[in-house]
N, C-alpha and C. Protein backbone atom coordinates (compact mmCIF):
# COMPACT_ATOMS: atom_id res chain seq x y z
N MET A 1 -1.11 -19.65 -33.75
CA MET A 1 -2.45 -20.13 -32.89
C MET A 1 -3.58 -19.64 -33.75
N THR A 2 -4.49 -20.57 -33.70
CA THR A 2 -5.80 -20.42 -34.43
C THR A 2 -6.74 -19.34 -33.88
N ARG A 3 -7.71 -18.90 -34.52
CA ARG A 3 -8.75 -18.05 -33.91
C ARG A 3 -9.38 -18.79 -32.74
N THR A 4 -9.76 -19.94 -33.03
CA THR A 4 -10.42 -20.69 -32.00
C THR A 4 -9.62 -20.89 -30.74
N GLY A 5 -8.31 -21.24 -30.85
CA GLY A 5 -7.49 -21.28 -29.75
C GLY A 5 -7.31 -19.96 -28.90
N GLN A 6 -7.17 -18.77 -29.86
CA GLN A 6 -7.02 -17.44 -29.16
C GLN A 6 -8.44 -17.13 -28.35
N ALA A 7 -9.45 -17.53 -28.97
CA ALA A 7 -10.74 -17.27 -28.39
C ALA A 7 -10.88 -18.07 -27.04
N ALA A 8 -10.36 -19.33 -27.04
CA ALA A 8 -10.36 -20.11 -25.86
C ALA A 8 -9.35 -19.56 -24.73
N VAL A 9 -8.24 -19.12 -25.12
CA VAL A 9 -7.36 -18.38 -24.13
C VAL A 9 -7.90 -17.19 -23.68
N LEU A 10 -8.48 -16.40 -24.46
CA LEU A 10 -9.20 -15.11 -23.98
C LEU A 10 -10.34 -15.41 -22.95
N ALA A 11 -11.25 -16.39 -23.32
CA ALA A 11 -12.28 -16.73 -22.57
C ALA A 11 -11.81 -17.17 -21.06
N ALA A 12 -10.68 -18.00 -21.01
CA ALA A 12 -10.01 -18.57 -19.82
C ALA A 12 -9.48 -17.43 -19.16
N ILE A 13 -8.72 -16.54 -19.66
CA ILE A 13 -8.19 -15.35 -18.95
C ILE A 13 -9.22 -14.55 -18.44
N THR A 14 -10.45 -14.28 -19.09
CA THR A 14 -11.45 -13.51 -18.65
C THR A 14 -12.10 -14.07 -17.60
N LEU A 15 -12.44 -15.52 -17.45
CA LEU A 15 -13.02 -16.20 -16.36
C LEU A 15 -12.00 -16.22 -15.18
N MET A 16 -10.76 -16.32 -15.37
CA MET A 16 -9.74 -16.21 -14.20
C MET A 16 -9.80 -14.80 -13.57
N CYS A 17 -9.89 -13.70 -14.31
CA CYS A 17 -9.98 -12.52 -13.87
C CYS A 17 -11.29 -12.21 -13.10
N GLY A 18 -12.40 -12.65 -13.70
CA GLY A 18 -13.58 -12.58 -13.04
C GLY A 18 -13.77 -13.20 -11.68
N LEU A 19 -13.11 -14.40 -11.60
CA LEU A 19 -13.08 -15.19 -10.28
C LEU A 19 -12.17 -14.36 -9.31
N LEU A 20 -11.05 -13.84 -9.81
CA LEU A 20 -10.13 -13.12 -8.84
C LEU A 20 -10.82 -11.96 -8.31
N VAL A 21 -11.43 -11.17 -9.15
CA VAL A 21 -12.18 -9.92 -8.67
C VAL A 21 -13.28 -10.33 -7.60
N ALA A 22 -13.96 -11.38 -8.02
CA ALA A 22 -14.97 -11.88 -7.25
C ALA A 22 -14.49 -12.32 -5.78
N GLY A 23 -13.54 -13.09 -5.80
CA GLY A 23 -12.94 -13.60 -4.55
C GLY A 23 -12.24 -12.48 -3.70
N CYS A 24 -11.73 -11.52 -4.46
CA CYS A 24 -10.88 -10.44 -3.60
C CYS A 24 -11.81 -9.31 -3.17
N GLY A 25 -13.00 -9.27 -3.84
CA GLY A 25 -13.95 -8.16 -3.43
C GLY A 25 -14.67 -8.51 -2.22
N ASN A 26 -14.50 -9.57 -1.56
CA ASN A 26 -15.40 -9.99 -0.47
C ASN A 26 -14.74 -9.23 0.76
N GLY A 27 -15.52 -8.59 1.53
CA GLY A 27 -14.94 -7.91 2.71
C GLY A 27 -14.36 -6.48 2.42
N VAL A 28 -14.59 -5.81 1.24
CA VAL A 28 -14.24 -4.58 0.97
C VAL A 28 -14.99 -3.67 1.58
N ARG A 29 -14.43 -2.77 2.25
CA ARG A 29 -15.19 -1.61 3.11
C ARG A 29 -15.45 -0.41 2.17
N THR A 30 -16.44 0.18 2.43
CA THR A 30 -16.81 1.42 1.78
C THR A 30 -16.62 2.51 2.69
N GLU A 31 -16.63 3.67 2.35
CA GLU A 31 -16.46 4.85 3.24
C GLU A 31 -17.59 4.87 4.49
N GLY A 32 -18.62 4.46 4.09
CA GLY A 32 -19.61 4.36 5.20
C GLY A 32 -19.54 3.33 6.25
N ASP A 33 -18.74 2.21 5.84
CA ASP A 33 -18.42 1.22 6.80
C ASP A 33 -17.09 1.34 7.75
N ALA A 34 -16.46 2.37 7.38
CA ALA A 34 -15.18 2.57 8.04
C ALA A 34 -15.43 2.91 9.56
N PRO A 35 -14.78 2.40 10.36
CA PRO A 35 -14.93 2.58 11.82
C PRO A 35 -14.43 4.11 12.18
N HIS A 36 -15.23 4.64 13.10
CA HIS A 36 -14.88 5.90 13.49
C HIS A 36 -13.97 6.01 14.71
N VAL A 37 -12.84 6.63 14.59
CA VAL A 37 -11.99 6.73 15.76
C VAL A 37 -12.13 8.01 16.46
N THR A 38 -12.51 7.99 17.70
CA THR A 38 -12.53 9.14 18.44
C THR A 38 -11.26 9.24 19.43
N PRO A 39 -10.59 10.37 19.47
CA PRO A 39 -9.39 10.57 20.47
C PRO A 39 -9.84 10.46 21.88
N SER A 40 -9.02 9.68 22.55
CA SER A 40 -9.25 9.35 23.92
C SER A 40 -8.82 10.50 24.87
N PRO A 41 -9.43 11.11 25.69
CA PRO A 41 -8.87 12.28 26.52
C PRO A 41 -7.80 11.71 27.49
N SER A 42 -7.71 10.55 27.56
CA SER A 42 -6.72 9.98 28.57
C SER A 42 -5.51 9.45 27.83
N ALA A 43 -5.43 9.70 26.51
CA ALA A 43 -4.27 9.27 25.71
C ALA A 43 -3.00 9.91 26.21
N PRO A 44 -2.00 9.08 26.45
CA PRO A 44 -0.65 9.66 27.03
C PRO A 44 -0.06 10.56 25.82
N THR A 45 0.56 11.48 26.46
CA THR A 45 1.32 12.44 25.55
C THR A 45 2.82 11.84 25.52
N PRO A 46 3.27 11.91 24.25
CA PRO A 46 4.66 11.34 24.21
C PRO A 46 5.78 12.23 25.02
N ALA A 47 6.80 11.62 25.41
CA ALA A 47 7.74 12.33 26.27
C ALA A 47 8.53 13.05 25.21
N PRO A 48 9.30 14.10 25.73
CA PRO A 48 10.21 14.82 24.83
C PRO A 48 11.28 14.03 24.22
N THR A 49 11.83 13.09 25.07
CA THR A 49 12.97 12.12 24.55
C THR A 49 12.36 11.22 23.40
N ASP A 50 11.07 10.79 23.59
CA ASP A 50 10.38 9.92 22.58
C ASP A 50 10.38 10.73 21.32
N LEU A 51 9.93 12.10 21.28
CA LEU A 51 9.79 12.78 20.19
C LEU A 51 11.12 13.12 19.47
N ALA A 52 12.28 13.22 20.38
CA ALA A 52 13.64 13.40 19.89
C ALA A 52 14.12 12.18 19.04
N GLU A 53 13.64 11.08 19.74
CA GLU A 53 14.15 9.79 19.06
C GLU A 53 13.43 9.56 17.83
N MET A 54 12.11 9.88 17.67
CA MET A 54 11.41 9.82 16.42
C MET A 54 11.93 10.70 15.31
N ARG A 55 12.32 11.94 15.85
CA ARG A 55 12.98 12.96 14.82
C ARG A 55 14.25 12.46 14.26
N LYS A 56 15.09 11.83 15.15
CA LYS A 56 16.39 11.28 14.65
C LYS A 56 16.01 10.14 13.73
N LEU A 57 15.17 9.29 13.96
CA LEU A 57 14.76 8.21 13.05
C LEU A 57 14.30 8.67 11.66
N LEU A 58 13.33 9.82 11.82
CA LEU A 58 12.89 10.40 10.52
C LEU A 58 14.02 10.97 9.69
N ASP A 59 14.89 11.62 10.50
CA ASP A 59 16.06 12.36 9.75
C ASP A 59 16.89 11.40 9.08
N GLY A 60 17.10 10.22 9.76
CA GLY A 60 17.86 9.16 9.06
C GLY A 60 17.13 8.49 7.85
N ALA A 61 15.89 8.39 8.03
CA ALA A 61 15.09 7.76 6.96
C ALA A 61 15.14 8.76 5.75
N GLU A 62 14.89 10.02 6.03
CA GLU A 62 15.03 11.02 4.79
C GLU A 62 16.34 11.09 4.19
N SER A 63 17.41 10.95 5.14
CA SER A 63 18.76 10.90 4.47
C SER A 63 19.10 9.74 3.67
N ALA A 64 18.45 8.54 4.01
CA ALA A 64 18.60 7.44 3.25
C ALA A 64 17.88 7.43 1.98
N ALA A 65 16.61 8.12 1.93
CA ALA A 65 15.88 8.17 0.74
C ALA A 65 16.52 9.12 -0.20
N ALA A 66 17.16 10.18 0.38
CA ALA A 66 17.91 11.15 -0.43
C ALA A 66 19.13 10.51 -1.12
N ALA A 67 19.84 9.71 -0.41
CA ALA A 67 21.08 8.92 -0.97
C ALA A 67 20.53 7.95 -1.95
N ALA A 68 19.30 7.18 -1.80
CA ALA A 68 18.86 6.39 -2.79
C ALA A 68 18.58 7.05 -4.04
N ASP A 69 17.89 8.31 -4.05
CA ASP A 69 17.53 9.01 -5.07
C ASP A 69 18.74 9.39 -5.79
N SER A 70 19.72 9.98 -5.10
CA SER A 70 20.96 10.24 -5.80
C SER A 70 21.70 9.22 -6.56
N ASP A 71 21.66 7.93 -5.93
CA ASP A 71 22.30 6.86 -6.61
C ASP A 71 21.49 6.51 -7.79
N ALA A 72 20.14 6.54 -7.67
CA ALA A 72 19.36 6.12 -8.83
C ALA A 72 19.50 7.27 -9.97
N ALA A 73 19.66 8.56 -9.74
CA ALA A 73 19.94 9.43 -10.62
C ALA A 73 21.37 9.21 -11.39
N ALA A 74 22.30 8.80 -10.49
CA ALA A 74 23.73 8.50 -11.06
C ALA A 74 23.59 7.28 -12.07
N ASP A 75 22.78 6.38 -11.82
CA ASP A 75 22.77 5.26 -12.59
C ASP A 75 22.04 5.36 -13.99
N ARG A 76 21.41 6.56 -14.06
CA ARG A 76 20.68 6.79 -15.38
C ARG A 76 21.62 6.95 -16.53
């Protein structure tokens, strides 16, 4: 590829990246724009059975992650 061709490809890639950044940057929030969430005094407290079920799901997920790590280490 000639220098002129390389320069044209570089210019096209730069233009595409610029357009992508300009298009994706619309609507980006900054820290000052973030909505503030205040806890509701009437928020329901979870039932003990709900907490137990969540703990069971979390334990299962942790176990699956540990198994995946073990498999990945064995594949190396």
